[in-house]
Structure formats: structure tokens, C-alpha cells
PDB file of N, CA and C in Angstrom:
ATOM      1  N   MET A   1    -114.299 -45.834  28.385  1.00  0.00           N
ATOM      2  CA  MET A   1    -113.812 -44.628  29.020  1.00  0.00           C
ATOM      3  C   MET A   1    -112.332 -44.767  29.419  1.00  0.00           C
ATOM      4  N   LYS A   2    -111.982 -45.948  29.955  1.00  0.00           N
ATOM      5  CA  LYS A   2    -110.588 -46.174  30.357  1.00  0.00           C
ATOM      6  C   LYS A   2    -109.659 -46.126  29.150  1.00  0.00           C
ATOM      7  N   ASN A   3    -110.092 -46.716  28.038  1.00  0.00           N
ATOM      8  CA  ASN A   3    -109.266 -46.721  26.834  1.00  0.00           C
ATOM      9  C   ASN A   3    -109.042 -45.313  26.311  1.00  0.00           C
ATOM     10  N   ALA A   4    -110.067 -44.475  26.364  1.00  0.00           N
ATOM     11  CA  ALA A   4    -109.945 -43.094  25.905  1.00  0.00           C
ATOM     12  C   ALA A   4    -108.973 -42.319  26.785  1.00  0.00           C
ATOM     13  N   LEU A   5    -109.063 -42.545  28.095  1.00  0.00           N
ATOM     14  CA  LEU A   5    -108.151 -41.880  29.023  1.00  0.00           C
ATOM     15  C   LEU A   5    -106.714 -42.329  28.795  1.00  0.00           C
ATOM     16  N   LEU A   6    -106.489 -43.607  28.598  1.00  0.00           N
ATOM     17  CA  LEU A   6    -105.143 -44.116  28.323  1.00  0.00           C
ATOM     18  C   LEU A   6    -104.598 -43.566  27.015  1.00  0.00           C
ATOM     19  N   LEU A   7    -105.439 -43.488  26.004  1.00  0.00           N
ATOM     20  CA  LEU A   7    -105.018 -42.930  24.719  1.00  0.00           C
ATOM     21  C   LEU A   7    -104.643 -41.457  24.867  1.00  0.00           C
ATOM     22  N   PHE A   8    -105.432 -40.709  25.626  1.00  0.00           N
ATOM     23  CA  PHE A   8    -105.136 -39.291  25.866  1.00  0.00           C
ATOM     24  C   PHE A   8    -103.810 -39.121  26.599  1.00  0.00           C
ATOM     25  N   LEU A   9    -103.573 -39.913  27.642  1.00  0.00           N
ATOM     26  CA  LEU A   9    -102.314 -39.832  28.387  1.00  0.00           C
ATOM     27  C   LEU A   9    -101.117 -40.203  27.511  1.00  0.00           C
ATOM     28  N   ALA A  10    -101.266 -41.193  26.668  1.00  0.00           N
ATOM     29  CA  ALA A  10    -100.179 -41.584  25.765  1.00  0.00           C
ATOM     30  C   ALA A  10     -99.859 -40.458  24.795  1.00  0.00           C
ATOM     31  N   MET A  11    -100.873 -39.770  24.310  1.00  0.00           N
ATOM     32  CA  MET A  11    -100.650 -38.652  23.383  1.00  0.00           C
ATOM     33  C   MET A  11     -99.956 -37.492  24.081  1.00  0.00           C
ATOM     34  N   VAL A  12    -100.357 -37.190  25.324  1.00  0.00           N
ATOM     35  CA  VAL A  12     -99.737 -36.094  26.068  1.00  0.00           C
ATOM     36  C   VAL A  12     -98.264 -36.393  26.330  1.00  0.00           C
ATOM     37  N   VAL A  13     -97.953 -37.603  26.737  1.00  0.00           N
ATOM     38  CA  VAL A  13     -96.570 -37.984  27.021  1.00  0.00           C
ATOM     39  C   VAL A  13     -95.734 -37.932  25.749  1.00  0.00           C
ATOM     40  N   SER A  14     -96.260 -38.413  24.636  1.00  0.00           N
ATOM     41  CA  SER A  14     -95.487 -38.410  23.392  1.00  0.00           C
ATOM     42  C   SER A  14     -95.230 -36.989  22.906  1.00  0.00           C
ATOM     43  N   VAL A  15     -96.191 -36.079  23.081  1.00  0.00           N
ATOM     44  CA  VAL A  15     -95.989 -34.683  22.685  1.00  0.00           C
ATOM     45  C   VAL A  15     -94.952 -34.030  23.584  1.00  0.00           C
ATOM     46  N   ALA A  16     -94.979 -34.351  24.873  1.00  0.00           N
ATOM     47  CA  ALA A  16     -94.027 -33.759  25.813  1.00  0.00           C
ATOM     48  C   ALA A  16     -92.602 -34.210  25.524  1.00  0.00           C
ATOM     49  N   LEU A  17     -92.427 -35.442  25.063  1.00  0.00           N
ATOM     50  CA  LEU A  17     -91.091 -35.964  24.796  1.00  0.00           C
ATOM     51  C   LEU A  17     -90.597 -35.647  23.390  1.00  0.00           C
ATOM     52  N   TYR A  18     -91.489 -35.221  22.513  1.00  0.00           N
ATOM     53  CA  TYR A  18     -91.106 -34.921  21.141  1.00  0.00           C
ATOM     54  C   TYR A  18     -90.165 -33.716  21.124  1.00  0.00           C
ATOM     55  N   GLY A  19     -89.126 -33.802  20.347  1.00  0.00           N
ATOM     56  CA  GLY A  19     -88.212 -32.674  20.213  1.00  0.00           C
ATOM     57  C   GLY A  19     -87.195 -32.579  21.326  1.00  0.00           C
ATOM     58  N   GLN A  20     -86.957 -33.655  22.037  1.00  0.00           N
ATOM     59  CA  GLN A  20     -85.943 -33.651  23.075  1.00  0.00           C
ATOM     60  C   GLN A  20     -84.927 -34.745  22.805  1.00  0.00           C
ATOM     61  N   ARG A  21     -83.741 -34.550  23.360  1.00  0.00           N
ATOM     62  CA  ARG A  21     -82.716 -35.588  23.302  1.00  0.00           C
ATOM     63  C   ARG A  21     -81.998 -35.607  24.642  1.00  0.00           C
ATOM     64  N   THR A  22     -81.251 -36.647  24.885  1.00  0.00           N
ATOM     65  CA  THR A  22     -80.528 -36.794  26.140  1.00  0.00           C
ATOM     66  C   THR A  22     -79.037 -36.658  25.895  1.00  0.00           C
ATOM     67  N   VAL A  23     -78.395 -35.773  26.668  1.00  0.00           N
ATOM     68  CA  VAL A  23     -76.936 -35.662  26.637  1.00  0.00           C
ATOM     69  C   VAL A  23     -76.422 -36.142  27.986  1.00  0.00           C
ATOM     70  N   SER A  24     -75.222 -36.712  27.971  1.00  0.00           N
ATOM     71  CA  SER A  24     -74.632 -37.231  29.203  1.00  0.00           C
ATOM     72  C   SER A  24     -73.121 -37.128  29.109  1.00  0.00           C
ATOM     73  N   GLY A  25     -72.463 -37.456  30.206  1.00  0.00           N
ATOM     74  CA  GLY A  25     -71.006 -37.450  30.240  1.00  0.00           C
ATOM     75  C   GLY A  25     -70.503 -37.319  31.657  1.00  0.00           C
ATOM     76  N   THR A  26     -69.221 -36.999  31.799  1.00  0.00           N
ATOM     77  CA  THR A  26     -68.615 -36.811  33.106  1.00  0.00           C
ATOM     78  C   THR A  26     -67.923 -35.459  33.164  1.00  0.00           C
ATOM     79  N   VAL A  27     -67.822 -34.932  34.376  1.00  0.00           N
ATOM     80  CA  VAL A  27     -67.110 -33.675  34.627  1.00  0.00           C
ATOM     81  C   VAL A  27     -65.993 -33.994  35.603  1.00  0.00           C
ATOM     82  N   THR A  28     -64.756 -33.672  35.202  1.00  0.00           N
ATOM     83  CA  THR A  28     -63.584 -33.937  36.038  1.00  0.00           C
ATOM     84  C   THR A  28     -62.744 -32.678  36.173  1.00  0.00           C
ATOM     85  N   ASN A  29     -61.769 -32.714  37.086  1.00  0.00           N
ATOM     86  CA  ASN A  29     -60.802 -31.625  37.186  1.00  0.00           C
ATOM     87  C   ASN A  29     -59.556 -31.996  36.376  1.00  0.00           C
ATOM     88  N   ALA A  30     -58.533 -31.163  36.438  1.00  0.00           N
ATOM     89  CA  ALA A  30     -57.326 -31.372  35.630  1.00  0.00           C
ATOM     90  C   ALA A  30     -56.597 -32.667  36.003  1.00  0.00           C
ATOM     91  N   GLU A  31     -56.751 -33.123  37.245  1.00  0.00           N
ATOM     92  CA  GLU A  31     -56.104 -34.360  37.682  1.00  0.00           C
ATOM     93  C   GLU A  31     -56.923 -35.601  37.332  1.00  0.00           C
ATOM     94  N   GLY A  32     -58.079 -35.407  36.730  1.00  0.00           N
ATOM     95  CA  GLY A  32     -58.922 -36.528  36.346  1.00  0.00           C
ATOM     96  C   GLY A  32     -59.875 -37.004  37.425  1.00  0.00           C
ATOM     97  N   GLU A  33     -59.953 -36.261  38.532  1.00  0.00           N
ATOM     98  CA  GLU A  33     -60.855 -36.635  39.616  1.00  0.00           C
ATOM     99  C   GLU A  33     -62.252 -36.113  39.314  1.00  0.00           C
ATOM    100  N   PRO A  34     -63.295 -36.911  39.584  1.00  0.00           N
ATOM    101  CA  PRO A  34     -64.652 -36.449  39.296  1.00  0.00           C
ATOM    102  C   PRO A  34     -65.053 -35.292  40.202  1.00  0.00           C
ATOM    103  N   LEU A  35     -65.822 -34.366  39.655  1.00  0.00           N
ATOM    104  CA  LEU A  35     -66.339 -33.242  40.435  1.00  0.00           C
ATOM    105  C   LEU A  35     -67.781 -33.563  40.823  1.00  0.00           C
ATOM    106  N   ILE A  36     -67.987 -33.766  42.101  1.00  0.00           N
ATOM    107  CA  ILE A  36     -69.296 -34.133  42.620  1.00  0.00           C
ATOM    108  C   ILE A  36     -70.120 -32.866  42.823  1.00  0.00           C
ATOM    109  N   GLY A  37     -71.300 -32.807  42.247  1.00  0.00           N
ATOM    110  CA  GLY A  37     -72.194 -31.669  42.436  1.00  0.00           C
ATOM    111  C   GLY A  37     -71.939 -30.503  41.503  1.00  0.00           C
ATOM    112  N   ALA A  38     -71.233 -30.715  40.393  1.00  0.00           N
ATOM    113  CA  ALA A  38     -71.044 -29.647  39.413  1.00  0.00           C
ATOM    114  C   ALA A  38     -72.384 -29.357  38.726  1.00  0.00           C
ATOM    115  N   ASN A  39     -72.653 -28.089  38.449  1.00  0.00           N
ATOM    116  CA  ASN A  39     -73.903 -27.680  37.806  1.00  0.00           C
ATOM    117  C   ASN A  39     -73.781 -27.782  36.296  1.00  0.00           C
ATOM    118  N   VAL A  40     -74.747 -28.431  35.667  1.00  0.00           N
ATOM    119  CA  VAL A  40     -74.810 -28.552  34.209  1.00  0.00           C
ATOM    120  C   VAL A  40     -76.171 -28.008  33.790  1.00  0.00           C
ATOM    121  N   THR A  41     -76.190 -26.898  33.052  1.00  0.00           N
ATOM    122  CA  THR A  41     -77.435 -26.273  32.630  1.00  0.00           C
ATOM    123  C   THR A  41     -77.405 -25.977  31.142  1.00  0.00           C
ATOM    124  N   VAL A  42     -78.586 -25.824  30.561  1.00  0.00           N
ATOM    125  CA  VAL A  42     -78.714 -25.462  29.157  1.00  0.00           C
ATOM    126  C   VAL A  42     -78.726 -23.939  29.068  1.00  0.00           C
ATOM    127  N   VAL A  43     -77.873 -23.375  28.234  1.00  0.00           N
ATOM    128  CA  VAL A  43     -77.778 -21.932  28.073  1.00  0.00           C
ATOM    129  C   VAL A  43     -79.043 -21.423  27.385  1.00  0.00           C
ATOM    130  N   GLY A  44     -79.676 -20.425  27.996  1.00  0.00           N
ATOM    131  CA  GLY A  44     -80.847 -19.792  27.405  1.00  0.00           C
ATOM    132  C   GLY A  44     -82.153 -20.530  27.608  1.00  0.00           C
ATOM    133  N   GLU A  45     -82.152 -21.616  28.348  1.00  0.00           N
ATOM    134  CA  GLU A  45     -83.375 -22.388  28.590  1.00  0.00           C
ATOM    135  C   GLU A  45     -83.560 -22.541  30.090  1.00  0.00           C
ATOM    136  N   ASP A  46     -84.590 -21.942  30.631  1.00  0.00           N
ATOM    137  CA  ASP A  46     -84.878 -22.107  32.058  1.00  0.00           C
ATOM    138  C   ASP A  46     -85.494 -23.479  32.305  1.00  0.00           C
ATOM    139  N   GLY A  47     -85.131 -24.081  33.402  1.00  0.00           N
ATOM    140  CA  GLY A  47     -85.730 -25.348  33.789  1.00  0.00           C
ATOM    141  C   GLY A  47     -84.999 -26.582  33.296  1.00  0.00           C
ATOM    142  N   TYR A  48     -83.919 -26.418  32.558  1.00  0.00           N
ATOM    143  CA  TYR A  48     -83.146 -27.561  32.081  1.00  0.00           C
ATOM    144  C   TYR A  48     -81.784 -27.537  32.751  1.00  0.00           C
ATOM    145  N   GLY A  49     -81.605 -28.406  33.736  1.00  0.00           N
ATOM    146  CA  GLY A  49     -80.335 -28.461  34.420  1.00  0.00           C
ATOM    147  C   GLY A  49     -80.265 -29.654  35.345  1.00  0.00           C
ATOM    148  N   THR A  50     -79.050 -29.980  35.757  1.00  0.00           N
ATOM    149  CA  THR A  50     -78.827 -31.088  36.676  1.00  0.00           C
ATOM    150  C   THR A  50     -77.490 -30.878  37.369  1.00  0.00           C
ATOM    151  N   ILE A  51     -77.151 -31.773  38.288  1.00  0.00           N
ATOM    152  CA  ILE A  51     -75.834 -31.770  38.914  1.00  0.00           C
ATOM    153  C   ILE A  51     -75.208 -33.145  38.721  1.00  0.00           C
ATOM    154  N   THR A  52     -73.887 -33.186  38.828  1.00  0.00           N
ATOM    155  CA  THR A  52     -73.178 -34.455  38.651  1.00  0.00           C
ATOM    156  C   THR A  52     -73.290 -35.302  39.909  1.00  0.00           C
ATOM    157  N   ASP A  53     -73.194 -36.616  39.731  1.00  0.00           N
ATOM    158  CA  ASP A  53     -73.301 -37.536  40.863  1.00  0.00           C
ATOM    159  C   ASP A  53     -71.922 -37.804  41.467  1.00  0.00           C
ATOM    160  N   PHE A  54     -71.825 -38.846  42.264  1.00  0.00           N
ATOM    161  CA  PHE A  54     -70.593 -39.185  42.979  1.00  0.00           C
ATOM    162  C   PHE A  54     -69.429 -39.475  42.033  1.00  0.00           C
ATOM    163  N   ASP A  55     -69.720 -39.980  40.840  1.00  0.00           N
ATOM    164  CA  ASP A  55     -68.684 -40.294  39.860  1.00  0.00           C
ATOM    165  C   ASP A  55     -68.466 -39.175  38.847  1.00  0.00           C
ATOM    166  N   GLY A  56     -69.082 -38.004  39.062  1.00  0.00           N
ATOM    167  CA  GLY A  56     -68.965 -36.895  38.130  1.00  0.00           C
ATOM    168  C   GLY A  56     -69.848 -37.061  36.910  1.00  0.00           C
ATOM    169  N   TYR A  57     -70.767 -38.016  36.924  1.00  0.00           N
ATOM    170  CA  TYR A  57     -71.616 -38.326  35.775  1.00  0.00           C
ATOM    171  C   TYR A  57     -72.875 -37.463  35.805  1.00  0.00           C
ATOM    172  N   TYR A  58     -73.307 -37.023  34.635  1.00  0.00           N
ATOM    173  CA  TYR A  58     -74.565 -36.302  34.503  1.00  0.00           C
ATOM    174  C   TYR A  58     -75.330 -36.857  33.306  1.00  0.00           C
ATOM    175  N   GLU A  59     -76.647 -36.713  33.360  1.00  0.00           N
ATOM    176  CA  GLU A  59     -77.517 -37.075  32.251  1.00  0.00           C
ATOM    177  C   GLU A  59     -78.641 -36.056  32.243  1.00  0.00           C
ATOM    178  N   LEU A  60     -78.906 -35.465  31.084  1.00  0.00           N
ATOM    179  CA  LEU A  60     -79.838 -34.347  31.003  1.00  0.00           C
ATOM    180  C   LEU A  60     -80.648 -34.417  29.724  1.00  0.00           C
ATOM    181  N   ARG A  61     -81.975 -34.346  29.868  1.00  0.00           N
ATOM    182  CA  ARG A  61     -82.862 -34.261  28.694  1.00  0.00           C
ATOM    183  C   ARG A  61     -82.950 -32.792  28.312  1.00  0.00           C
ATOM    184  N   ILE A  62     -82.649 -32.494  27.064  1.00  0.00           N
ATOM    185  CA  ILE A  62     -82.633 -31.110  26.597  1.00  0.00           C
ATOM    186  C   ILE A  62     -83.490 -30.981  25.343  1.00  0.00           C
ATOM    187  N   PRO A  63     -83.970 -29.768  25.047  1.00  0.00           N
ATOM    188  CA  PRO A  63     -84.723 -29.580  23.809  1.00  0.00           C
ATOM    189  C   PRO A  63     -83.795 -29.666  22.596  1.00  0.00           C
ATOM    190  N   GLU A  64     -84.338 -30.067  21.466  1.00  0.00           N
ATOM    191  CA  GLU A  64     -83.548 -30.165  20.229  1.00  0.00           C
ATOM    192  C   GLU A  64     -82.963 -28.816  19.823  1.00  0.00           C
ATOM    193  N   THR A  65     -83.604 -27.731  20.240  1.00  0.00           N
ATOM    194  CA  THR A  65     -83.153 -26.393  19.863  1.00  0.00           C
ATOM    195  C   THR A  65     -82.000 -25.874  20.717  1.00  0.00           C
ATOM    196  N   ALA A  66     -81.599 -26.628  21.738  1.00  0.00           N
ATOM    197  CA  ALA A  66     -80.521 -26.183  22.632  1.00  0.00           C
ATOM    198  C   ALA A  66     -79.208 -26.059  21.865  1.00  0.00           C
ATOM    199  N   ASP A  67     -78.493 -24.955  22.117  1.00  0.00           N
ATOM    200  CA  ASP A  67     -77.234 -24.682  21.427  1.00  0.00           C
ATOM    201  C   ASP A  67     -75.996 -24.978  22.258  1.00  0.00           C
ATOM    202  N   ALA A  68     -76.086 -24.790  23.594  1.00  0.00           N
ATOM    203  CA  ALA A  68     -74.890 -24.909  24.424  1.00  0.00           C
ATOM    204  C   ALA A  68     -75.235 -25.326  25.848  1.00  0.00           C
ATOM    205  N   LEU A  69     -74.237 -25.909  26.518  1.00  0.00           N
ATOM    206  CA  LEU A  69     -74.326 -26.245  27.936  1.00  0.00           C
ATOM    207  C   LEU A  69     -73.386 -25.342  28.712  1.00  0.00           C
ATOM    208  N   GLN A  70     -73.771 -25.006  29.933  1.00  0.00           N
ATOM    209  CA  GLN A  70     -72.934 -24.234  30.849  1.00  0.00           C
ATOM    210  C   GLN A  70     -72.605 -25.147  32.019  1.00  0.00           C
ATOM    211  N   ILE A  71     -71.314 -25.323  32.319  1.00  0.00           N
ATOM    212  CA  ILE A  71     -70.884 -26.173  33.424  1.00  0.00           C
ATOM    213  C   ILE A  71     -70.140 -25.301  34.420  1.00  0.00           C
ATOM    214  N   SER A  72     -70.505 -25.386  35.693  1.00  0.00           N
ATOM    215  CA  SER A  72     -69.844 -24.562  36.703  1.00  0.00           C
ATOM    216  C   SER A  72     -69.680 -25.361  37.998  1.00  0.00           C
ATOM    217  N   TYR A  73     -68.659 -24.966  38.753  1.00  0.00           N
ATOM    218  CA  TYR A  73     -68.358 -25.602  40.030  1.00  0.00           C
ATOM    219  C   TYR A  73     -67.558 -24.598  40.853  1.00  0.00           C
ATOM    220  N   ILE A  74     -67.817 -24.538  42.141  1.00  0.00           N
ATOM    221  CA  ILE A  74     -67.147 -23.565  43.001  1.00  0.00           C
ATOM    222  C   ILE A  74     -65.640 -23.784  42.975  1.00  0.00           C
ATOM    223  N   GLY A  75     -64.891 -22.698  42.731  1.00  0.00           N
ATOM    224  CA  GLY A  75     -63.435 -22.767  42.702  1.00  0.00           C
ATOM    225  C   GLY A  75     -62.864 -23.100  41.336  1.00  0.00           C
ATOM    226  N   TYR A  76     -63.719 -23.274  40.320  1.00  0.00           N
ATOM    227  CA  TYR A  76     -63.274 -23.598  38.963  1.00  0.00           C
ATOM    228  C   TYR A  76     -63.875 -22.612  37.979  1.00  0.00           C
ATOM    229  N   LYS A  77     -63.188 -22.432  36.856  1.00  0.00           N
ATOM    230  CA  LYS A  77     -63.712 -21.568  35.801  1.00  0.00           C
ATOM    231  C   LYS A  77     -64.919 -22.230  35.157  1.00  0.00           C
ATOM    232  N   ALA A  78     -65.972 -21.447  34.959  1.00  0.00           N
ATOM    233  CA  ALA A  78     -67.162 -21.972  34.283  1.00  0.00           C
ATOM    234  C   ALA A  78     -66.814 -22.253  32.829  1.00  0.00           C
ATOM    235  N   MET A  79     -67.465 -23.251  32.264  1.00  0.00           N
ATOM    236  CA  MET A  79     -67.181 -23.668  30.891  1.00  0.00           C
ATOM    237  C   MET A  79     -68.477 -23.667  30.089  1.00  0.00           C
ATOM    238  N   ARG A  80     -68.389 -23.189  28.867  1.00  0.00           N
ATOM    239  CA  ARG A  80     -69.515 -23.235  27.942  1.00  0.00           C
ATOM    240  C   ARG A  80     -69.145 -24.177  26.807  1.00  0.00           C
ATOM    241  N   VAL A  81     -70.022 -25.143  26.524  1.00  0.00           N
ATOM    242  CA  VAL A  81     -69.768 -26.145  25.497  1.00  0.00           C
ATOM    243  C   VAL A  81     -70.854 -26.041  24.439  1.00  0.00           C
ATOM    244  N   GLU A  82     -70.430 -25.793  23.194  1.00  0.00           N
ATOM    245  CA  GLU A  82     -71.372 -25.757  22.083  1.00  0.00           C
ATOM    246  C   GLU A  82     -71.796 -27.177  21.750  1.00  0.00           C
ATOM    247  N   LEU A  83     -73.089 -27.397  21.589  1.00  0.00           N
ATOM    248  CA  LEU A  83     -73.612 -28.728  21.316  1.00  0.00           C
ATOM    249  C   LEU A  83     -73.590 -29.021  19.826  1.00  0.00           C
ATOM    250  N   GLY A  84     -73.234 -30.241  19.505  1.00  0.00           N
ATOM    251  CA  GLY A  84     -73.219 -30.702  18.120  1.00  0.00           C
ATOM    252  C   GLY A  84     -74.149 -31.895  17.969  1.00  0.00           C
ATOM    253  N   GLU A  85     -73.763 -32.800  17.113  1.00  0.00           N
ATOM    254  CA  GLU A  85     -74.579 -33.979  16.839  1.00  0.00           C
ATOM    255  C   GLU A  85     -74.443 -35.060  17.905  1.00  0.00           C
ATOM    256  N   LYS A  86     -73.292 -35.111  18.578  1.00  0.00           N
ATOM    257  CA  LYS A  86     -73.075 -36.198  19.536  1.00  0.00           C
ATOM    258  C   LYS A  86     -73.871 -35.954  20.819  1.00  0.00           C
ATOM    259  N   ASN A  87     -74.043 -37.007  21.600  1.00  0.00           N
ATOM    260  CA  ASN A  87     -74.833 -36.939  22.820  1.00  0.00           C
ATOM    261  C   ASN A  87     -74.024 -37.176  24.087  1.00  0.00           C
ATOM    262  N   GLU A  88     -72.706 -37.378  23.956  1.00  0.00           N
ATOM    263  CA  GLU A  88     -71.860 -37.586  25.128  1.00  0.00           C
ATOM    264  C   GLU A  88     -70.754 -36.542  25.145  1.00  0.00           C
ATOM    265  N   TYR A  89     -70.662 -35.817  26.260  1.00  0.00           N
ATOM    266  CA  TYR A  89     -69.674 -34.758  26.420  1.00  0.00           C
ATOM    267  C   TYR A  89     -68.948 -34.964  27.743  1.00  0.00           C
ATOM    268  N   ASN A  90     -67.701 -35.438  27.675  1.00  0.00           N
ATOM    269  CA  ASN A  90     -66.861 -35.583  28.854  1.00  0.00           C
ATOM    270  C   ASN A  90     -66.035 -34.316  28.964  1.00  0.00           C
ATOM    271  N   LEU A  91     -66.136 -33.643  30.111  1.00  0.00           N
ATOM    272  CA  LEU A  91     -65.580 -32.302  30.254  1.00  0.00           C
ATOM    273  C   LEU A  91     -64.588 -32.229  31.398  1.00  0.00           C
ATOM    274  N   MET A  92     -63.603 -31.328  31.242  1.00  0.00           N
ATOM    275  CA  MET A  92     -62.603 -31.097  32.275  1.00  0.00           C
ATOM    276  C   MET A  92     -62.595 -29.616  32.608  1.00  0.00           C
ATOM    277  N   LEU A  93     -62.838 -29.273  33.876  1.00  0.00           N
ATOM    278  CA  LEU A  93     -62.837 -27.886  34.309  1.00  0.00           C
ATOM    279  C   LEU A  93     -61.453 -27.498  34.820  1.00  0.00           C
ATOM    280  N   ASP A  94     -61.038 -26.270  34.495  1.00  0.00           N
ATOM    281  CA  ASP A  94     -59.752 -25.741  34.946  1.00  0.00           C
ATOM    282  C   ASP A  94     -59.916 -25.023  36.274  1.00  0.00           C
ATOM    283  N   ASP A  95     -58.897 -25.152  37.117  1.00  0.00           N
ATOM    284  CA  ASP A  95     -58.862 -24.435  38.382  1.00  0.00           C
ATOM    285  C   ASP A  95     -58.791 -22.949  38.073  1.00  0.00           C
ATOM    286  N   SER A  96     -59.605 -22.160  38.737  1.00  0.00           N
ATOM    287  CA  SER A  96     -59.650 -20.726  38.442  1.00  0.00           C
ATOM    288  C   SER A  96     -58.525 -19.955  39.107  1.00  0.00           C
ATOM    289  N   GLY A  97     -57.781 -20.591  39.975  1.00  0.00           N
ATOM    290  CA  GLY A  97     -56.707 -19.897  40.659  1.00  0.00           C
ATOM    291  C   GLY A  97     -57.199 -19.132  41.879  1.00  0.00           C
ATOM    292  N   VAL A  98     -58.496 -19.147  42.138  1.00  0.00           N
ATOM    293  CA  VAL A  98     -59.048 -18.468  43.296  1.00  0.00           C
ATOM    294  C   VAL A  98     -58.974 -19.419  44.476  1.00  0.00           C
ATOM    295  N   VAL A  99     -58.301 -18.975  45.516  1.00  0.00           N
ATOM    296  CA  VAL A  99     -58.184 -19.794  46.711  1.00  0.00           C
ATOM    297  C   VAL A  99     -59.008 -19.151  47.818  1.00  0.00           C
ATOM    298  N   MET A 100     -59.885 -19.911  48.393  1.00  0.00           N
ATOM    299  CA  MET A 100     -60.690 -19.399  49.498  1.00  0.00           C
ATOM    300  C   MET A 100     -59.975 -19.743  50.796  1.00  0.00           C
ATOM    301  N   ASP A 101     -59.474 -18.710  51.480  1.00  0.00           N
ATOM    302  CA  ASP A 101     -58.776 -18.929  52.738  1.00  0.00           C
ATOM    303  C   ASP A 101     -59.746 -19.156  53.884  1.00  0.00           C
ATOM    304  N   GLU A 102     -60.792 -18.330  53.936  1.00  0.00           N
ATOM    305  CA  GLU A 102     -61.704 -18.374  55.050  1.00  0.00           C
ATOM    306  C   GLU A 102     -63.113 -18.103  54.584  1.00  0.00           C
ATOM    307  N   VAL A 103     -64.046 -18.793  55.165  1.00  0.00           N
ATOM    308  CA  VAL A 103     -65.450 -18.536  54.906  1.00  0.00           C
ATOM    309  C   VAL A 103     -66.157 -18.477  56.241  1.00  0.00           C
ATOM    310  N   VAL A 104     -66.912 -17.408  56.473  1.00  0.00           N
ATOM    311  CA  VAL A 104     -67.681 -17.263  57.698  1.00  0.00           C
ATOM    312  C   VAL A 104     -69.156 -17.278  57.317  1.00  0.00           C
ATOM    313  N   VAL A 105     -69.892 -18.207  57.903  1.00  0.00           N
ATOM    314  CA  VAL A 105     -71.315 -18.311  57.639  1.00  0.00           C
ATOM    315  C   VAL A 105     -72.068 -18.010  58.925  1.00  0.00           C
ATOM    316  N   VAL A 106     -72.968 -17.045  58.841  1.00  0.00           N
ATOM    317  CA  VAL A 106     -73.807 -16.691  59.975  1.00  0.00           C
ATOM    318  C   VAL A 106     -75.243 -16.873  59.530  1.00  0.00           C
ATOM    319  N   ALA A 107     -75.989 -17.671  60.285  1.00  0.00           N
ATOM    320  CA  ALA A 107     -77.372 -17.934  59.886  1.00  0.00           C
ATOM    321  C   ALA A 107     -78.288 -17.852  61.095  1.00  0.00           C
ATOM    322  N   TYR A 108     -79.564 -17.660  60.829  1.00  0.00           N
ATOM    323  CA  TYR A 108     -80.600 -17.631  61.853  1.00  0.00           C
ATOM    324  C   TYR A 108     -80.340 -16.564  62.905  1.00  0.00           C
ATOM    325  N   GLY A 109     -80.224 -15.349  62.463  1.00  0.00           N
ATOM    326  CA  GLY A 109     -80.095 -14.261  63.415  1.00  0.00           C
ATOM    327  C   GLY A 109     -79.205 -13.166  62.872  1.00  0.00           C
ATOM    328  N   GLU A 110     -79.132 -12.110  63.631  1.00  0.00           N
ATOM    329  CA  GLU A 110     -78.290 -10.992  63.242  1.00  0.00           C
ATOM    330  C   GLU A 110     -77.085 -10.935  64.164  1.00  0.00           C
ATOM    331  N   GLN A 111     -75.932 -10.642  63.575  1.00  0.00           N
ATOM    332  CA  GLN A 111     -74.704 -10.507  64.336  1.00  0.00           C
ATOM    333  C   GLN A 111     -74.021  -9.219  63.890  1.00  0.00           C
ATOM    334  N   SER A 112     -73.413  -8.556  64.829  1.00  0.00           N
ATOM    335  CA  SER A 112     -72.628  -7.380  64.455  1.00  0.00           C
ATOM    336  C   SER A 112     -71.205  -7.825  64.174  1.00  0.00           C
ATOM    337  N   ARG A 113     -70.507  -7.049  63.386  1.00  0.00           N
ATOM    338  CA  ARG A 113     -69.125  -7.373  63.050  1.00  0.00           C
ATOM    339  C   ARG A 113     -68.278  -7.458  64.322  1.00  0.00           C
ATOM    340  N   ARG A 114     -68.563  -6.575  65.255  1.00  0.00           N
ATOM    341  CA  ARG A 114     -67.789  -6.510  66.480  1.00  0.00           C
ATOM    342  C   ARG A 114     -67.890  -7.819  67.274  1.00  0.00           C
ATOM    343  N   SER A 115     -69.066  -8.444  67.284  1.00  0.00           N
ATOM    344  CA  SER A 115     -69.206  -9.682  68.052  1.00  0.00           C
ATOM    345  C   SER A 115     -68.597 -10.883  67.331  1.00  0.00           C
ATOM    346  N   LEU A 116     -68.348 -10.787  66.020  1.00  0.00           N
ATOM    347  CA  LEU A 116     -67.754 -11.884  65.265  1.00  0.00           C
ATOM    348  C   LEU A 116     -66.225 -11.860  65.294  1.00  0.00           C
ATOM    349  N   VAL A 117     -65.646 -10.670  65.385  1.00  0.00           N
ATOM    350  CA  VAL A 117     -64.190 -10.526  65.329  1.00  0.00           C
ATOM    351  C   VAL A 117     -63.647 -10.396  66.742  1.00  0.00           C
ATOM    352  N   SER A 118     -62.645 -11.180  67.044  1.00  0.00           N
ATOM    353  CA  SER A 118     -62.025 -11.085  68.357  1.00  0.00           C
ATOM    354  C   SER A 118     -60.515 -11.007  68.187  1.00  0.00           C
ATOM    355  N   SER A 119     -59.858 -10.538  69.218  1.00  0.00           N
ATOM    356  CA  SER A 119     -58.403 -10.419  69.136  1.00  0.00           C
ATOM    357  C   SER A 119     -57.694 -11.562  69.794  1.00  0.00           C
TER     358      SER A 119
END
């Protein structure tokens, strides 16, 4: 019985991994600094995505049918990369030119505009 269960689990795992490949690389800005927490997703495929680590590195298992990756980060232009035969894509995001001067976050309750703005 144990052998049959192990054989069944091995077959399920092999079917789940069939038709996938791993892509990896780094995401940096124009100055070459790594972007921590940049979003890397597969275009047109729900459930396939990751974020970059402290060094801007990402690694993502994607289906063989995937055509492109979408990379985005707050304050930078989103980038779409068409996938080819290679498995490593080192990417550089351009500054979008959008400068955020102020951000006001209000959470856990309701506030009126009048109580937030003072002279």
C-alpha cells in the first residue's frame, strides 16, 4: 500500500512539473542599484508571479506556453519582456519621471477632509 501511494505521489508531482521552466535574473534602476520588491509576473497567466529580493534577484517557474513577463515597481515605468529561449533576464527599469511629493494614508476609521487639513 505504501509503495502504491508513493508511486501515485511521484506521478502527480511529475505531471505538475511537466511543461514548466524556470526564469531568473535581476531588476535594477538606471544607476545599477537593485530594486527590492519589484513585481515580476507572467503576462496572461494568473498565479505566476514573484517579487525581487534584497539584491534585486528573482526566480520564477513559468509554463512553457508563457510569452512575456511584466515587471513593475512604484515610481518606474512598467516593462514588458518577450520571452525567448534563454532563462536569464537581467532588466533595468527607467524612472517614469513621476515624483510623489506627499502621500497621506488614513486607515482604520473615517476622517473628513476638514479634520485632515489644517492651516
